[in-house]
Amino acid sequence: MVDQAQQLYQEGSDFFKNGHYPEALASCNKALAIRPDYAEAWNGRGVALAELRQPVEALASYDKALAIRPDYADAWNNRGWILVELGRHEEAVASYDKGLAINPHDASAWFIRGAELGTLGRPVEALASFDKSIAINPDDAYAWNFRGVALHELGRYAEAVGSYDKALAINPEYAEVKLNRKLALKKQT
């Protein structure tokens, strides 16, 4: 039987899917008033707050979810994303590491982790993350592009061009890839 807190949380999820973030937040808050130890509702509250551009409050909600359920991969990854938004890149990578240790099959988490490592000037580690993302979802043009960027930064221009070609095969209109490919070809000669 679904309890009242679960019903309110589900109502919040429905509001969220329809872009009604204040209502989603209100439903999660009502669920938490009934069941303060409801990790999913804390996570949902964080997601709604993130959409409402309240990153500090969102982070606090993710932290509460994780205090209740430390093995909650989605909360670790959502926490990582809000840390990206806050410009706390090292902490974001650490949060994604924890989420990926629990669920290593999340292509999006590997991708964002790689992008953060790239931002931190760690292209070797970024490349490894992009490779893991692509192994899970080989049709992600963004991952192929970012893989190419990491290879470019490592001076591996021919391989970078190969990654850009894969990205363009998936999305021929991806303008950034066209520019990146052109730059790698210039460096290659």
Protein backbone atom coordinates (compact mmCIF):
# COMPACT_ATOMS: atom_id res chain seq x y z
CA MET A 1 0.00 0.00 0.00
CA VAL A 2 1.28 3.46 -0.91
CA ASP A 3 1.42 5.77 2.08
CA GLN A 4 0.48 9.45 2.02
CA ALA A 5 4.12 10.62 1.85
CA GLN A 6 4.70 8.42 -1.21
CA GLN A 7 1.55 9.79 -2.85
CA LEU A 8 2.71 13.36 -2.25
CA TYR A 9 6.17 12.55 -3.58
CA GLN A 10 4.63 10.97 -6.71
CA GLU A 11 2.44 14.04 -7.13
CA GLY A 12 5.61 16.15 -6.92
CA SER A 13 7.28 13.99 -9.56
CA ASP A 14 4.30 14.51 -11.85
CA PHE A 15 4.44 18.27 -11.30
CA PHE A 16 8.16 18.20 -12.02
CA LYS A 17 7.71 16.29 -15.29
CA ASN A 18 5.27 19.00 -16.40
CA GLY A 19 7.63 21.83 -15.49
CA HIS A 20 5.64 22.95 -12.45
CA TYR A 21 8.63 23.31 -10.11
CA PRO A 22 7.04 25.35 -7.29
CA GLU A 23 4.26 22.77 -7.04
CA ALA A 24 6.79 19.93 -7.14
CA LEU A 25 8.69 21.57 -4.29
CA ALA A 26 5.49 22.02 -2.27
CA SER A 27 4.56 18.35 -2.72
CA CYS A 28 8.02 17.20 -1.61
CA ASN A 29 7.83 19.50 1.41
CA LYS A 30 4.44 18.03 2.34
CA ALA A 31 5.82 14.49 1.99
CA LEU A 32 8.77 15.41 4.21
CA ALA A 33 6.46 16.91 6.83
CA ILE A 34 4.88 13.46 7.11
CA ARG A 35 8.09 11.43 6.70
CA PRO A 36 11.26 13.44 7.42
CA ASP A 37 13.44 10.38 6.70
CA TYR A 38 12.21 10.01 3.10
CA ALA A 39 15.44 10.18 1.08
CA GLU A 40 13.67 10.21 -2.29
CA ALA A 41 11.60 13.23 -1.27
CA TRP A 42 14.74 15.07 -0.11
CA ASN A 43 16.34 14.30 -3.47
CA GLY A 44 13.19 15.41 -5.32
CA ARG A 45 13.13 18.58 -3.25
CA GLY A 46 16.73 19.22 -4.30
CA VAL A 47 15.90 18.73 -7.97
CA ALA A 48 12.96 21.15 -7.73
CA LEU A 49 15.12 23.71 -5.92
CA ALA A 50 17.82 23.35 -8.57
CA GLU A 51 15.25 24.10 -11.27
CA LEU A 52 14.10 27.10 -9.24
CA ARG A 53 17.70 28.38 -9.23
CA GLN A 54 18.26 27.85 -5.53
CA PRO A 55 21.50 25.84 -5.64
CA VAL A 56 22.56 26.24 -2.01
CA GLU A 57 19.20 24.98 -0.78
CA ALA A 58 19.27 22.18 -3.37
CA LEU A 59 22.69 21.08 -2.11
CA ALA A 60 21.38 20.98 1.47
CA SER A 61 18.48 18.77 0.33
CA TYR A 62 20.81 16.34 -1.46
CA ASP A 63 23.00 16.21 1.64
CA LYS A 64 19.95 15.33 3.75
CA ALA A 65 18.98 12.58 1.31
CA LEU A 66 22.51 11.19 1.53
CA ALA A 67 22.60 11.39 5.31
CA ILE A 68 19.55 9.12 5.29
CA ARG A 69 20.68 6.90 2.43
CA PRO A 70 24.42 7.08 1.67
CA ASP A 71 24.07 4.53 -1.17
CA TYR A 72 21.72 6.76 -3.21
CA ALA A 73 23.55 7.14 -6.54
CA ASP A 74 21.07 9.61 -8.05
CA ALA A 75 21.43 11.92 -5.05
CA TRP A 76 25.25 11.78 -5.33
CA ASN A 77 25.02 12.62 -9.04
CA ASN A 78 22.46 15.39 -8.49
CA ARG A 79 24.72 16.75 -5.76
CA GLY A 80 27.60 16.64 -8.24
CA TRP A 81 25.61 18.63 -10.78
CA ILE A 82 24.68 21.35 -8.29
CA LEU A 83 28.33 21.58 -7.24
CA VAL A 84 29.16 22.13 -10.94
CA GLU A 85 26.60 24.96 -10.93
CA LEU A 86 28.26 26.41 -7.83
CA GLY A 87 31.72 26.23 -9.48
CA ARG A 88 32.99 23.72 -6.92
CA HIS A 89 34.59 21.45 -9.50
CA GLU A 90 36.79 19.23 -7.31
CA GLU A 91 33.85 18.52 -4.99
CA ALA A 92 31.65 17.80 -8.00
CA VAL A 93 34.09 15.16 -9.26
CA ALA A 94 34.23 13.59 -5.79
CA SER A 95 30.43 13.47 -5.66
CA TYR A 96 30.24 11.84 -9.09
CA ASP A 97 32.91 9.36 -7.99
CA LYS A 98 30.68 8.29 -5.10
CA GLY A 99 27.61 8.00 -7.32
CA LEU A 100 29.50 6.02 -9.95
CA ALA A 101 30.94 3.68 -7.34
CA ILE A 102 27.32 2.74 -6.56
CA ASN A 103 26.02 2.77 -10.16
CA PRO A 104 28.82 2.55 -12.72
CA HIS A 105 26.33 2.27 -15.61
CA ASP A 106 25.27 5.94 -15.68
CA ALA A 107 26.57 7.35 -18.98
CA SER A 108 25.49 10.89 -18.12
CA ALA A 109 27.37 10.84 -14.81
CA TRP A 110 30.54 9.62 -16.55
CA PHE A 111 30.13 12.37 -19.15
CA ILE A 112 29.69 15.19 -16.64
CA ARG A 113 32.53 13.83 -14.52
CA GLY A 114 34.72 13.91 -17.63
CA ALA A 115 33.69 17.48 -18.45
CA GLU A 116 34.56 18.55 -14.91
CA LEU A 117 37.94 16.84 -15.11
CA GLY A 118 38.52 18.68 -18.38
CA THR A 119 37.64 21.96 -16.65
CA LEU A 120 40.19 21.08 -13.98
CA GLY A 121 42.89 20.54 -16.63
CA ARG A 122 43.04 16.76 -16.18
CA PRO A 123 42.58 15.50 -19.78
CA VAL A 124 43.88 11.96 -19.18
CA GLU A 125 41.25 11.34 -16.49
CA ALA A 126 38.62 13.18 -18.56
CA LEU A 127 39.35 10.91 -21.53
CA ALA A 128 38.86 7.81 -19.37
CA SER A 129 35.48 9.15 -18.19
CA PHE A 130 34.36 9.93 -21.75
CA ASP A 131 35.40 6.44 -22.84
CA LYS A 132 33.25 4.94 -20.08
CA SER A 133 30.32 7.17 -21.04
CA ILE A 134 30.64 6.15 -24.69
CA ALA A 135 30.91 2.46 -23.79
CA ILE A 136 27.48 2.78 -22.17
CA ASN A 137 25.94 5.15 -24.73
CA PRO A 138 27.86 5.10 -28.03
CA ASP A 139 25.31 7.39 -29.71
CA ASP A 140 26.12 10.46 -27.60
CA ALA A 141 27.57 13.09 -29.92
CA TYR A 142 28.46 15.31 -26.97
CA ALA A 143 30.58 12.61 -25.37
CA TRP A 144 32.39 11.98 -28.66
CA ASN A 145 33.03 15.72 -29.04
CA PHE A 146 34.36 16.09 -25.51
CA ARG A 147 36.47 12.96 -26.01
CA GLY A 148 37.95 14.68 -29.04
CA VAL A 149 38.67 17.80 -26.99
CA ALA A 150 40.53 15.73 -24.37
CA LEU A 151 42.55 14.00 -27.10
CA HIS A 152 43.29 17.39 -28.68
CA GLU A 153 44.58 18.68 -25.34
CA LEU A 154 46.83 15.63 -25.14
CA GLY A 155 48.24 16.37 -28.61
CA ARG A 156 46.64 13.26 -30.10
CA TYR A 157 45.16 15.12 -33.06
CA ALA A 158 44.46 12.21 -35.40
CA GLU A 159 42.51 10.44 -32.67
CA ALA A 160 40.70 13.69 -31.88
CA VAL A 161 39.63 13.95 -35.53
CA GLY A 162 38.33 10.37 -35.32
CA SER A 163 36.22 11.28 -32.28
CA TYR A 164 34.89 14.39 -33.99
CA ASP A 165 34.00 12.29 -37.04
CA LYS A 166 31.99 9.95 -34.78
CA ALA A 167 30.19 12.94 -33.26
CA LEU A 168 29.36 14.29 -36.72
CA ALA A 169 28.12 10.90 -37.88
CA ILE A 170 25.61 11.06 -35.01
CA ASN A 171 24.77 14.75 -35.37
CA PRO A 172 25.93 16.26 -38.70
CA GLU A 173 24.70 19.73 -37.66
CA TYR A 174 26.82 19.95 -34.48
CA ALA A 175 28.64 23.23 -35.23
CA GLU A 176 31.09 23.06 -32.32
CA VAL A 177 32.35 19.68 -33.53
CA LYS A 178 32.94 21.05 -37.02
CA LEU A 179 35.10 23.83 -35.58
CA ASN A 180 36.95 21.46 -33.22
CA ARG A 181 37.63 19.08 -36.11
CA LYS A 182 38.99 21.89 -38.26
CA LEU A 183 41.34 22.99 -35.45
CA ALA A 184 42.58 19.43 -34.90
CA LEU A 185 43.22 18.99 -38.62
CA LYS A 186 45.32 22.18 -38.65
CA LYS A 187 47.38 20.93 -35.70
CA GLN A 188 47.80 17.53 -37.35
CA THR A 189 49.62 18.95 -40.38
